[in-house]
């Protein structure tokens, strides 16, 4: 990740892809990423806590907010990185995390992001990579609430627990099955 100078030129992307712990590290490795924050979006409760969201009663998604430098990385590349992290055909969670707070979604912050997200979703559907319909929603961004500090960069703070959770989730097996070696091309 690069230095955070001259933040007036930075943009924000917000993606929900199940457990936010697993959505941070894939974006951290990309050039042009300034910051990746775990948090909550899309619900009906101000300042939700992890317990509120996990209880599936607040209406929030677990999500990541990515601050990036668009002169170094495009929103289209971020979309590609997003699609290969999720099961876009699952409308009740992601992998072993079940319930509305774990659904996948793209939260757009501009009309351009909305158009690019819709285009990428259509391209994925047209590719027939998946037998089932692509159900990932494309929604307008609302207030993003940062998750508690212990959730931020969890893969760095608690690498053993992170690796265990990721392993039992089935996410990596899914990625390998549907993207194979192509997965790594996203990060070039």
C-alpha atoms as a PDB file:
ATOM      1  CA  UNK A   1       0.000   0.000   0.000  1.00  0.00           C
ATOM      2  CA  UNK A   2       1.213   3.446  -0.806  1.00  0.00           C
ATOM      3  CA  UNK A   3       1.706   6.587   1.200  1.00  0.00           C
ATOM      4  CA  UNK A   4      -1.515   8.466   1.946  1.00  0.00           C
ATOM      5  CA  UNK A   5      -0.391  11.862   0.649  1.00  0.00           C
ATOM      6  CA  UNK A   6      -2.667  13.924  -1.588  1.00  0.00           C
ATOM      7  CA  UNK A   7      -5.860  12.101  -0.628  1.00  0.00           C
ATOM      8  CA  UNK A   8      -8.053  14.476  -2.670  1.00  0.00           C
ATOM      9  CA  UNK A   9      -7.334  12.289  -5.701  1.00  0.00           C
ATOM     10  CA  UNK A  10      -8.350   9.054  -4.008  1.00  0.00           C
ATOM     11  CA  UNK A  11     -11.623   7.218  -4.602  1.00  0.00           C
ATOM     12  CA  UNK A  12     -13.656   4.717  -2.599  1.00  0.00           C
ATOM     13  CA  UNK A  13     -14.962   1.281  -3.550  1.00  0.00           C
ATOM     14  CA  UNK A  14     -17.213  -0.748  -1.245  1.00  0.00           C
ATOM     15  CA  UNK A  15     -17.754  -4.484  -1.600  1.00  0.00           C
ATOM     16  CA  UNK A  16     -19.581  -7.062   0.498  1.00  0.00           C
ATOM     17  CA  UNK A  17     -18.313 -10.586   0.009  1.00  0.00           C
ATOM     18  CA  UNK A  18     -19.196 -12.531   3.113  1.00  0.00           C
ATOM     19  CA  UNK A  19     -16.847 -12.469   6.074  1.00  0.00           C
ATOM     20  CA  UNK A  20     -14.928  -9.218   5.863  1.00  0.00           C
ATOM     21  CA  UNK A  21     -11.819 -10.867   7.309  1.00  0.00           C
ATOM     22  CA  UNK A  22     -11.421 -12.764   4.032  1.00  0.00           C
ATOM     23  CA  UNK A  23     -12.068  -9.725   1.843  1.00  0.00           C
ATOM     24  CA  UNK A  24      -9.262  -7.489   3.140  1.00  0.00           C
ATOM     25  CA  UNK A  25      -6.048  -9.296   2.207  1.00  0.00           C
ATOM     26  CA  UNK A  26      -6.831  -9.787  -1.522  1.00  0.00           C
ATOM     27  CA  UNK A  27      -7.157  -6.025  -1.955  1.00  0.00           C
ATOM     28  CA  UNK A  28      -4.178  -5.140   0.237  1.00  0.00           C
ATOM     29  CA  UNK A  29      -1.811  -6.804  -2.251  1.00  0.00           C
ATOM     30  CA  UNK A  30      -2.900  -4.632  -5.183  1.00  0.00           C
ATOM     31  CA  UNK A  31      -0.843  -1.607  -6.207  1.00  0.00           C
ATOM     32  CA  UNK A  32      -2.687   1.661  -5.734  1.00  0.00           C
ATOM     33  CA  UNK A  33      -4.580   0.612  -2.613  1.00  0.00           C
ATOM     34  CA  UNK A  34      -4.332   3.187   0.158  1.00  0.00           C
ATOM     35  CA  UNK A  35      -6.479   1.558   2.828  1.00  0.00           C
ATOM     36  CA  UNK A  36      -8.912  -1.314   3.308  1.00  0.00           C
ATOM     37  CA  UNK A  37     -11.353  -1.045   6.212  1.00  0.00           C
ATOM     38  CA  UNK A  38     -13.708  -3.735   7.479  1.00  0.00           C
ATOM     39  CA  UNK A  39     -17.159  -2.486   8.358  1.00  0.00           C
ATOM     40  CA  UNK A  40     -20.902  -2.514   7.978  1.00  0.00           C
ATOM     41  CA  UNK A  41     -23.204  -0.976   5.355  1.00  0.00           C
ATOM     42  CA  UNK A  42     -26.797  -1.058   4.184  1.00  0.00           C
ATOM     43  CA  UNK A  43     -28.671  -1.545   7.440  1.00  0.00           C
ATOM     44  CA  UNK A  44     -31.274   0.229   9.505  1.00  0.00           C
ATOM     45  CA  UNK A  45     -29.341   0.831  12.737  1.00  0.00           C
ATOM     46  CA  UNK A  46     -26.948   3.688  13.406  1.00  0.00           C
ATOM     47  CA  UNK A  47     -23.492   2.684  14.660  1.00  0.00           C
ATOM     48  CA  UNK A  48     -24.050  -1.085  14.558  1.00  0.00           C
ATOM     49  CA  UNK A  49     -21.764  -3.391  16.476  1.00  0.00           C
ATOM     50  CA  UNK A  50     -20.428  -6.733  15.303  1.00  0.00           C
ATOM     51  CA  UNK A  51     -22.961  -8.418  17.590  1.00  0.00           C
ATOM     52  CA  UNK A  52     -25.826  -6.440  15.979  1.00  0.00           C
ATOM     53  CA  UNK A  53     -24.751  -7.420  12.480  1.00  0.00           C
ATOM     54  CA  UNK A  54     -23.932 -11.038  13.307  1.00  0.00           C
ATOM     55  CA  UNK A  55     -27.390 -11.418  14.909  1.00  0.00           C
ATOM     56  CA  UNK A  56     -28.835 -10.722  11.413  1.00  0.00           C
ATOM     57  CA  UNK A  57     -31.259  -8.115  12.776  1.00  0.00           C
ATOM     58  CA  UNK A  58     -29.650  -4.810  11.761  1.00  0.00           C
ATOM     59  CA  UNK A  59     -29.918  -5.289   7.993  1.00  0.00           C
ATOM     60  CA  UNK A  60     -26.225  -4.529   7.453  1.00  0.00           C
ATOM     61  CA  UNK A  61     -23.784  -6.369   5.250  1.00  0.00           C
ATOM     62  CA  UNK A  62     -20.247  -7.124   6.379  1.00  0.00           C
ATOM     63  CA  UNK A  63     -18.196  -5.200   3.829  1.00  0.00           C
ATOM     64  CA  UNK A  64     -14.865  -3.629   3.003  1.00  0.00           C
ATOM     65  CA  UNK A  65     -14.280   0.004   2.113  1.00  0.00           C
ATOM     66  CA  UNK A  66     -11.299   0.405  -0.171  1.00  0.00           C
ATOM     67  CA  UNK A  67      -9.577   3.751  -0.585  1.00  0.00           C
ATOM     68  CA  UNK A  68      -7.565   3.676  -3.803  1.00  0.00           C
ATOM     69  CA  UNK A  69      -5.603   5.855  -6.164  1.00  0.00           C
ATOM     70  CA  UNK A  70      -7.382   5.712  -9.547  1.00  0.00           C
ATOM     71  CA  UNK A  71      -4.210   6.798 -11.360  1.00  0.00           C
ATOM     72  CA  UNK A  72      -2.594   3.526 -10.191  1.00  0.00           C
ATOM     73  CA  UNK A  73      -5.519   1.084 -10.197  1.00  0.00           C
ATOM     74  CA  UNK A  74      -8.854   1.193 -11.973  1.00  0.00           C
ATOM     75  CA  UNK A  75     -12.273   0.482 -10.559  1.00  0.00           C
ATOM     76  CA  UNK A  76     -12.576  -2.221 -13.235  1.00  0.00           C
ATOM     77  CA  UNK A  77      -9.561  -4.041 -11.766  1.00  0.00           C
ATOM     78  CA  UNK A  78     -11.093  -3.772  -8.301  1.00  0.00           C
ATOM     79  CA  UNK A  79     -14.288  -5.304  -9.682  1.00  0.00           C
ATOM     80  CA  UNK A  80     -12.295  -8.207 -11.159  1.00  0.00           C
ATOM     81  CA  UNK A  81     -10.588  -8.751  -7.810  1.00  0.00           C
ATOM     82  CA  UNK A  82     -13.986  -8.691  -6.114  1.00  0.00           C
ATOM     83  CA  UNK A  83     -15.697 -11.199  -8.414  1.00  0.00           C
ATOM     84  CA  UNK A  84     -12.968 -13.815  -7.941  1.00  0.00           C
ATOM     85  CA  UNK A  85     -13.314 -13.651  -4.133  1.00  0.00           C
ATOM     86  CA  UNK A  86     -16.995 -14.555  -3.915  1.00  0.00           C
ATOM     87  CA  UNK A  87     -19.688 -16.998  -4.961  1.00  0.00           C
ATOM     88  CA  UNK A  88     -21.884 -14.616  -6.966  1.00  0.00           C
ATOM     89  CA  UNK A  89     -24.674 -17.225  -7.220  1.00  0.00           C
ATOM     90  CA  UNK A  90     -25.366 -17.488  -3.475  1.00  0.00           C
ATOM     91  CA  UNK A  91     -28.124 -15.199  -2.188  1.00  0.00           C
ATOM     92  CA  UNK A  92     -27.982 -16.347   1.444  1.00  0.00           C
ATOM     93  CA  UNK A  93     -24.388 -15.715   2.451  1.00  0.00           C
ATOM     94  CA  UNK A  94     -20.930 -16.734   1.379  1.00  0.00           C
ATOM     95  CA  UNK A  95     -19.377 -20.128   1.920  1.00  0.00           C
ATOM     96  CA  UNK A  96     -19.819 -21.258   5.538  1.00  0.00           C
ATOM     97  CA  UNK A  97     -21.074 -17.839   6.662  1.00  0.00           C
ATOM     98  CA  UNK A  98     -24.846 -17.854   6.276  1.00  0.00           C
ATOM     99  CA  UNK A  99     -27.465 -15.144   6.578  1.00  0.00           C
ATOM    100  CA  UNK A 100     -28.237 -11.719   5.134  1.00  0.00           C
ATOM    101  CA  UNK A 101     -25.204  -9.971   6.631  1.00  0.00           C
ATOM    102  CA  UNK A 102     -22.918 -12.259   4.614  1.00  0.00           C
ATOM    103  CA  UNK A 103     -24.515 -11.731   1.189  1.00  0.00           C
ATOM    104  CA  UNK A 104     -22.419 -10.335  -1.640  1.00  0.00           C
ATOM    105  CA  UNK A 105     -23.023  -6.854  -3.019  1.00  0.00           C
ATOM    106  CA  UNK A 106     -21.316  -3.992  -4.784  1.00  0.00           C
ATOM    107  CA  UNK A 107     -22.084  -0.609  -3.236  1.00  0.00           C
ATOM    108  CA  UNK A 108     -21.486   2.127  -5.786  1.00  0.00           C
ATOM    109  CA  UNK A 109     -20.556   5.691  -4.849  1.00  0.00           C
ATOM    110  CA  UNK A 110     -20.932   7.249  -8.330  1.00  0.00           C
ATOM    111  CA  UNK A 111     -23.007   6.712 -11.450  1.00  0.00           C
ATOM    112  CA  UNK A 112     -19.822   5.623 -13.235  1.00  0.00           C
ATOM    113  CA  UNK A 113     -19.180   2.929 -10.618  1.00  0.00           C
ATOM    114  CA  UNK A 114     -22.779   1.738 -10.996  1.00  0.00           C
ATOM    115  CA  UNK A 115     -22.411   1.467 -14.782  1.00  0.00           C
ATOM    116  CA  UNK A 116     -19.072  -0.345 -14.515  1.00  0.00           C
ATOM    117  CA  UNK A 117     -20.442  -2.729 -11.864  1.00  0.00           C
ATOM    118  CA  UNK A 118     -23.490  -3.541 -13.999  1.00  0.00           C
ATOM    119  CA  UNK A 119     -21.266  -4.094 -17.040  1.00  0.00           C
ATOM    120  CA  UNK A 120     -18.942  -6.429 -15.126  1.00  0.00           C
ATOM    121  CA  UNK A 121     -21.879  -8.376 -13.699  1.00  0.00           C
ATOM    122  CA  UNK A 122     -23.343  -8.832 -17.184  1.00  0.00           C
ATOM    123  CA  UNK A 123     -19.960  -9.947 -18.556  1.00  0.00           C
ATOM    124  CA  UNK A 124     -19.652 -12.500 -15.761  1.00  0.00           C
ATOM    125  CA  UNK A 125     -23.170 -13.791 -16.420  1.00  0.00           C
ATOM    126  CA  UNK A 126     -22.545 -13.942 -20.169  1.00  0.00           C
ATOM    127  CA  UNK A 127     -19.326 -15.890 -19.615  1.00  0.00           C
ATOM    128  CA  UNK A 128     -21.375 -18.880 -18.354  1.00  0.00           C
ATOM    129  CA  UNK A 129     -18.599 -19.571 -15.839  1.00  0.00           C
ATOM    130  CA  UNK A 130     -21.359 -20.364 -13.341  1.00  0.00           C
ATOM    131  CA  UNK A 131     -24.399 -22.528 -14.048  1.00  0.00           C
ATOM    132  CA  UNK A 132     -26.653 -20.579 -11.691  1.00  0.00           C
ATOM    133  CA  UNK A 133     -27.714 -16.949 -12.020  1.00  0.00           C
ATOM    134  CA  UNK A 134     -25.482 -14.161 -10.731  1.00  0.00           C
ATOM    135  CA  UNK A 135     -27.394 -12.765  -7.747  1.00  0.00           C
ATOM    136  CA  UNK A 136     -24.852 -10.314  -6.318  1.00  0.00           C
ATOM    137  CA  UNK A 137     -26.682  -7.026  -5.894  1.00  0.00           C
ATOM    138  CA  UNK A 138     -25.499  -3.620  -7.074  1.00  0.00           C
ATOM    139  CA  UNK A 139     -26.713  -1.030  -4.581  1.00  0.00           C
ATOM    140  CA  UNK A 140     -26.167   2.650  -3.831  1.00  0.00           C
ATOM    141  CA  UNK A 141     -23.701   3.171  -1.003  1.00  0.00           C
ATOM    142  CA  UNK A 142     -25.119   4.360   2.281  1.00  0.00           C
ATOM    143  CA  UNK A 143     -23.293   5.133   5.506  1.00  0.00           C
ATOM    144  CA  UNK A 144     -20.316   2.852   6.028  1.00  0.00           C
ATOM    145  CA  UNK A 145     -19.542   2.133   9.675  1.00  0.00           C
ATOM    146  CA  UNK A 146     -16.033   0.966  10.504  1.00  0.00           C
ATOM    147  CA  UNK A 147     -15.996  -2.348  12.337  1.00  0.00           C
ATOM    148  CA  UNK A 148     -14.384  -2.602  15.726  1.00  0.00           C
ATOM    149  CA  UNK A 149     -10.603  -2.221  15.786  1.00  0.00           C
ATOM    150  CA  UNK A 150      -9.959  -5.920  16.458  1.00  0.00           C
ATOM    151  CA  UNK A 151     -11.531  -6.707  13.056  1.00  0.00           C
ATOM    152  CA  UNK A 152      -9.262  -4.336  11.127  1.00  0.00           C
ATOM    153  CA  UNK A 153      -6.451  -6.169   9.294  1.00  0.00           C
ATOM    154  CA  UNK A 154      -7.456  -9.331  11.127  1.00  0.00           C
ATOM    155  CA  UNK A 155      -5.334 -11.476   8.825  1.00  0.00           C
ATOM    156  CA  UNK A 156      -2.247  -9.645  10.129  1.00  0.00           C
ATOM    157  CA  UNK A 157      -3.286  -9.403  13.790  1.00  0.00           C
ATOM    158  CA  UNK A 158      -4.452 -13.013  14.157  1.00  0.00           C
ATOM    159  CA  UNK A 159      -2.861 -14.969  11.296  1.00  0.00           C
ATOM    160  CA  UNK A 160      -3.437 -18.419  12.801  1.00  0.00           C
ATOM    161  CA  UNK A 161      -7.160 -17.835  13.461  1.00  0.00           C
ATOM    162  CA  UNK A 162      -7.544 -16.150  10.067  1.00  0.00           C
ATOM    163  CA  UNK A 163      -5.948 -19.068   8.217  1.00  0.00           C
ATOM    164  CA  UNK A 164      -8.048 -21.593  10.150  1.00  0.00           C
ATOM    165  CA  UNK A 165     -11.274 -19.714   9.439  1.00  0.00           C
ATOM    166  CA  UNK A 166     -10.438 -19.243   5.781  1.00  0.00           C
ATOM    167  CA  UNK A 167      -9.542 -22.924   5.422  1.00  0.00           C
ATOM    168  CA  UNK A 168     -12.816 -24.210   6.885  1.00  0.00           C
ATOM    169  CA  UNK A 169     -14.883 -21.665   4.941  1.00  0.00           C
ATOM    170  CA  UNK A 170     -14.450 -23.387   1.576  1.00  0.00           C
ATOM    171  CA  UNK A 171     -13.622 -20.068  -0.109  1.00  0.00           C
ATOM    172  CA  UNK A 172     -10.220 -21.114  -1.436  1.00  0.00           C
ATOM    173  CA  UNK A 173     -11.543 -24.393  -2.859  1.00  0.00           C
ATOM    174  CA  UNK A 174     -14.308 -22.474  -4.608  1.00  0.00           C
ATOM    175  CA  UNK A 175     -11.834 -19.971  -6.063  1.00  0.00           C
ATOM    176  CA  UNK A 176      -9.615 -22.779  -7.299  1.00  0.00           C
ATOM    177  CA  UNK A 177     -12.566 -24.647  -8.857  1.00  0.00           C
ATOM    178  CA  UNK A 178     -14.037 -21.677 -10.722  1.00  0.00           C
ATOM    179  CA  UNK A 179     -10.981 -19.516 -11.437  1.00  0.00           C
ATOM    180  CA  UNK A 180      -7.929 -21.811 -11.278  1.00  0.00           C
ATOM    181  CA  UNK A 181      -4.721 -20.229 -12.516  1.00  0.00           C
ATOM    182  CA  UNK A 182      -6.706 -17.364 -14.002  1.00  0.00           C
ATOM    183  CA  UNK A 183      -7.181 -16.121 -10.433  1.00  0.00           C
ATOM    184  CA  UNK A 184      -3.558 -15.018 -10.221  1.00  0.00           C
ATOM    185  CA  UNK A 185      -3.815 -12.953 -13.409  1.00  0.00           C
ATOM    186  CA  UNK A 186      -6.101 -10.549 -11.562  1.00  0.00           C
ATOM    187  CA  UNK A 187      -3.204  -9.575  -9.310  1.00  0.00           C
ATOM    188  CA  UNK A 188      -0.617  -8.953 -12.046  1.00  0.00           C
END
